[in-house]
Amino acid sequence: MSVKKIMAACGSGIGSSLMVRMNIEKILRDLGRDDIEVFHSTTSDAQPGSADIFVVGRDLETFVEKLDNVIALDNIVSKQELKDKLKAKFDELGESYSE
């Protein structure tokens, strides 16, 4: 699988998902991945095919439990947790990255 889109999702699609999106974009730049589109929306917009990876807060995990490739964050402001989980997901999917 080639990751082309990552969706950050929250309940309203405005606040926390935007913050997580910005953190994802920074981490992807740090990992040398400028080929992935990152966007944010509501959990109701998180549907199969709308993204290759979905990132949500742990409290919203049940809203996306039927999707593949979900990253659930215990602390949505922790860039280190996001980076670690994103790298683990890339490893799982056979995606390359650099540091």
C-alpha atoms as a PDB file:
ATOM      1  CA  MET A   1       0.000   0.000   0.000  1.00  0.00           C
ATOM      2  CA  SER A   2       1.212   3.465  -0.824  1.00  0.00           C
ATOM      3  CA  VAL A   3       0.095   6.108   1.663  1.00  0.00           C
ATOM      4  CA  LYS A   4      -1.153   9.178  -0.186  1.00  0.00           C
ATOM      5  CA  LYS A   5      -3.688  10.672   2.264  1.00  0.00           C
ATOM      6  CA  ILE A   6      -3.866  11.019   6.037  1.00  0.00           C
ATOM      7  CA  MET A   7      -7.006  12.321   7.749  1.00  0.00           C
ATOM      8  CA  ALA A   8      -7.004  13.853  11.221  1.00  0.00           C
ATOM      9  CA  ALA A   9     -10.537  13.600  12.571  1.00  0.00           C
ATOM     10  CA  CYS A  10     -12.388  14.979  15.568  1.00  0.00           C
ATOM     11  CA  GLY A  11     -15.983  15.501  16.588  1.00  0.00           C
ATOM     12  CA  SER A  12     -16.520  18.872  14.912  1.00  0.00           C
ATOM     13  CA  GLY A  13     -13.701  18.836  12.357  1.00  0.00           C
ATOM     14  CA  ILE A  14     -12.489  22.265  13.408  1.00  0.00           C
ATOM     15  CA  GLY A  15     -10.329  22.408  16.536  1.00  0.00           C
ATOM     16  CA  SER A  16      -8.350  19.401  17.617  1.00  0.00           C
ATOM     17  CA  SER A  17      -8.246  17.824  14.166  1.00  0.00           C
ATOM     18  CA  LEU A  18      -6.671  20.999  12.745  1.00  0.00           C
ATOM     19  CA  MET A  19      -4.026  20.972  15.468  1.00  0.00           C
ATOM     20  CA  VAL A  20      -3.277  17.279  14.870  1.00  0.00           C
ATOM     21  CA  ARG A  21      -3.149  17.937  11.114  1.00  0.00           C
ATOM     22  CA  MET A  22      -0.490  20.622  11.595  1.00  0.00           C
ATOM     23  CA  ASN A  23       1.520  18.262  13.810  1.00  0.00           C
ATOM     24  CA  ILE A  24       1.252  15.474  11.216  1.00  0.00           C
ATOM     25  CA  GLU A  25       2.468  17.829   8.486  1.00  0.00           C
ATOM     26  CA  LYS A  26       5.494  18.848  10.565  1.00  0.00           C
ATOM     27  CA  ILE A  27       6.354  15.254  11.413  1.00  0.00           C
ATOM     28  CA  LEU A  28       6.028  14.186   7.774  1.00  0.00           C
ATOM     29  CA  ARG A  29       8.439  16.974   6.763  1.00  0.00           C
ATOM     30  CA  ASP A  30      10.869  15.771   9.449  1.00  0.00           C
ATOM     31  CA  LEU A  31      10.542  12.228   8.058  1.00  0.00           C
ATOM     32  CA  GLY A  32      11.219  13.404   4.512  1.00  0.00           C
ATOM     33  CA  ARG A  33       7.689  12.646   3.282  1.00  0.00           C
ATOM     34  CA  ASP A  34       6.339  15.581   1.288  1.00  0.00           C
ATOM     35  CA  ASP A  35       4.261  13.337  -0.973  1.00  0.00           C
ATOM     36  CA  ILE A  36       1.355  12.756   1.435  1.00  0.00           C
ATOM     37  CA  GLU A  37      -1.757  14.930   1.540  1.00  0.00           C
ATOM     38  CA  VAL A  38      -2.948  15.684   5.074  1.00  0.00           C
ATOM     39  CA  PHE A  39      -6.409  17.014   5.812  1.00  0.00           C
ATOM     40  CA  HIS A  40      -8.772  17.284   8.751  1.00  0.00           C
ATOM     41  CA  SER A  41     -12.479  16.642   9.099  1.00  0.00           C
ATOM     42  CA  THR A  42     -15.124  15.109  11.335  1.00  0.00           C
ATOM     43  CA  THR A  43     -15.245  11.474  12.365  1.00  0.00           C
ATOM     44  CA  SER A  44     -18.451  11.128  10.336  1.00  0.00           C
ATOM     45  CA  ASP A  45     -16.423  11.967   7.205  1.00  0.00           C
ATOM     46  CA  ALA A  46     -13.939   9.203   8.028  1.00  0.00           C
ATOM     47  CA  GLN A  47     -15.084   6.567   5.574  1.00  0.00           C
ATOM     48  CA  PRO A  48     -13.278   3.744   3.771  1.00  0.00           C
ATOM     49  CA  GLY A  49     -11.389   5.213   0.848  1.00  0.00           C
ATOM     50  CA  SER A  50     -11.382   8.782   2.132  1.00  0.00           C
ATOM     51  CA  ALA A  51      -7.828   8.356   3.474  1.00  0.00           C
ATOM     52  CA  ASP A  52      -5.122   5.739   3.835  1.00  0.00           C
ATOM     53  CA  ILE A  53      -4.479   6.492   7.522  1.00  0.00           C
ATOM     54  CA  PHE A  54      -6.879   8.020  10.054  1.00  0.00           C
ATOM     55  CA  VAL A  55      -5.690   9.813  13.202  1.00  0.00           C
ATOM     56  CA  VAL A  56      -8.093  10.407  16.102  1.00  0.00           C
ATOM     57  CA  GLY A  57      -7.995  10.955  19.830  1.00  0.00           C
ATOM     58  CA  ARG A  58      -8.458   7.807  21.909  1.00  0.00           C
ATOM     59  CA  ASP A  59     -11.877   9.116  23.041  1.00  0.00           C
ATOM     60  CA  LEU A  60     -13.136   8.981  19.434  1.00  0.00           C
ATOM     61  CA  GLU A  61     -11.688   5.599  18.522  1.00  0.00           C
ATOM     62  CA  THR A  62     -15.084   3.869  18.627  1.00  0.00           C
ATOM     63  CA  PHE A  63     -16.340   6.179  15.850  1.00  0.00           C
ATOM     64  CA  VAL A  64     -13.717   4.811  13.446  1.00  0.00           C
ATOM     65  CA  GLU A  65     -13.346   1.255  14.719  1.00  0.00           C
ATOM     66  CA  LYS A  66     -14.515  -0.264  11.428  1.00  0.00           C
ATOM     67  CA  LEU A  67     -11.781   1.473   9.449  1.00  0.00           C
ATOM     68  CA  ASP A  68      -8.333   0.113   8.689  1.00  0.00           C
ATOM     69  CA  ASN A  69      -5.131   1.936   9.587  1.00  0.00           C
ATOM     70  CA  VAL A  70      -6.340   4.008  12.515  1.00  0.00           C
ATOM     71  CA  ILE A  71      -3.920   5.739  14.836  1.00  0.00           C
ATOM     72  CA  ALA A  72      -5.559   6.531  18.191  1.00  0.00           C
ATOM     73  CA  LEU A  73      -3.705   9.087  20.285  1.00  0.00           C
ATOM     74  CA  ASP A  74      -3.777   8.998  24.083  1.00  0.00           C
ATOM     75  CA  ASN A  75      -2.546  12.610  24.143  1.00  0.00           C
ATOM     76  CA  ILE A  76      -3.432  14.618  21.032  1.00  0.00           C
ATOM     77  CA  VAL A  77      -0.894  17.354  21.843  1.00  0.00           C
ATOM     78  CA  SER A  78       2.051  14.949  22.176  1.00  0.00           C
ATOM     79  CA  LYS A  79       4.134  15.249  19.026  1.00  0.00           C
ATOM     80  CA  GLN A  80       6.374  12.425  20.231  1.00  0.00           C
ATOM     81  CA  GLU A  81       3.459  10.007  20.609  1.00  0.00           C
ATOM     82  CA  LEU A  82       2.178  10.996  17.164  1.00  0.00           C
ATOM     83  CA  LYS A  83       5.620  10.562  15.603  1.00  0.00           C
ATOM     84  CA  ASP A  84       6.166   7.170  17.245  1.00  0.00           C
ATOM     85  CA  LYS A  85       2.744   5.892  16.181  1.00  0.00           C
ATOM     86  CA  LEU A  86       3.042   7.281  12.667  1.00  0.00           C
ATOM     87  CA  LYS A  87       6.451   5.629  12.211  1.00  0.00           C
ATOM     88  CA  ALA A  88       5.042   2.343  13.569  1.00  0.00           C
ATOM     89  CA  LYS A  89       2.135   2.545  11.115  1.00  0.00           C
ATOM     90  CA  PHE A  90       4.543   3.283   8.248  1.00  0.00           C
ATOM     91  CA  ASP A  91       6.645   0.275   9.280  1.00  0.00           C
ATOM     92  CA  GLU A  92       3.508  -1.891   9.413  1.00  0.00           C
ATOM     93  CA  LEU A  93       2.499  -0.751   5.920  1.00  0.00           C
ATOM     94  CA  GLY A  94       6.008  -1.030   4.442  1.00  0.00           C
ATOM     95  CA  GLU A  95       6.296   2.733   3.912  1.00  0.00           C
ATOM     96  CA  SER A  96       9.682   4.408   3.824  1.00  0.00           C
ATOM     97  CA  TYR A  97      10.790   7.482   5.729  1.00  0.00           C
ATOM     98  CA  SER A  98      14.017   9.117   6.862  1.00  0.00           C
ATOM     99  CA  GLU A  99      15.096  11.130   9.875  1.00  0.00           C
END
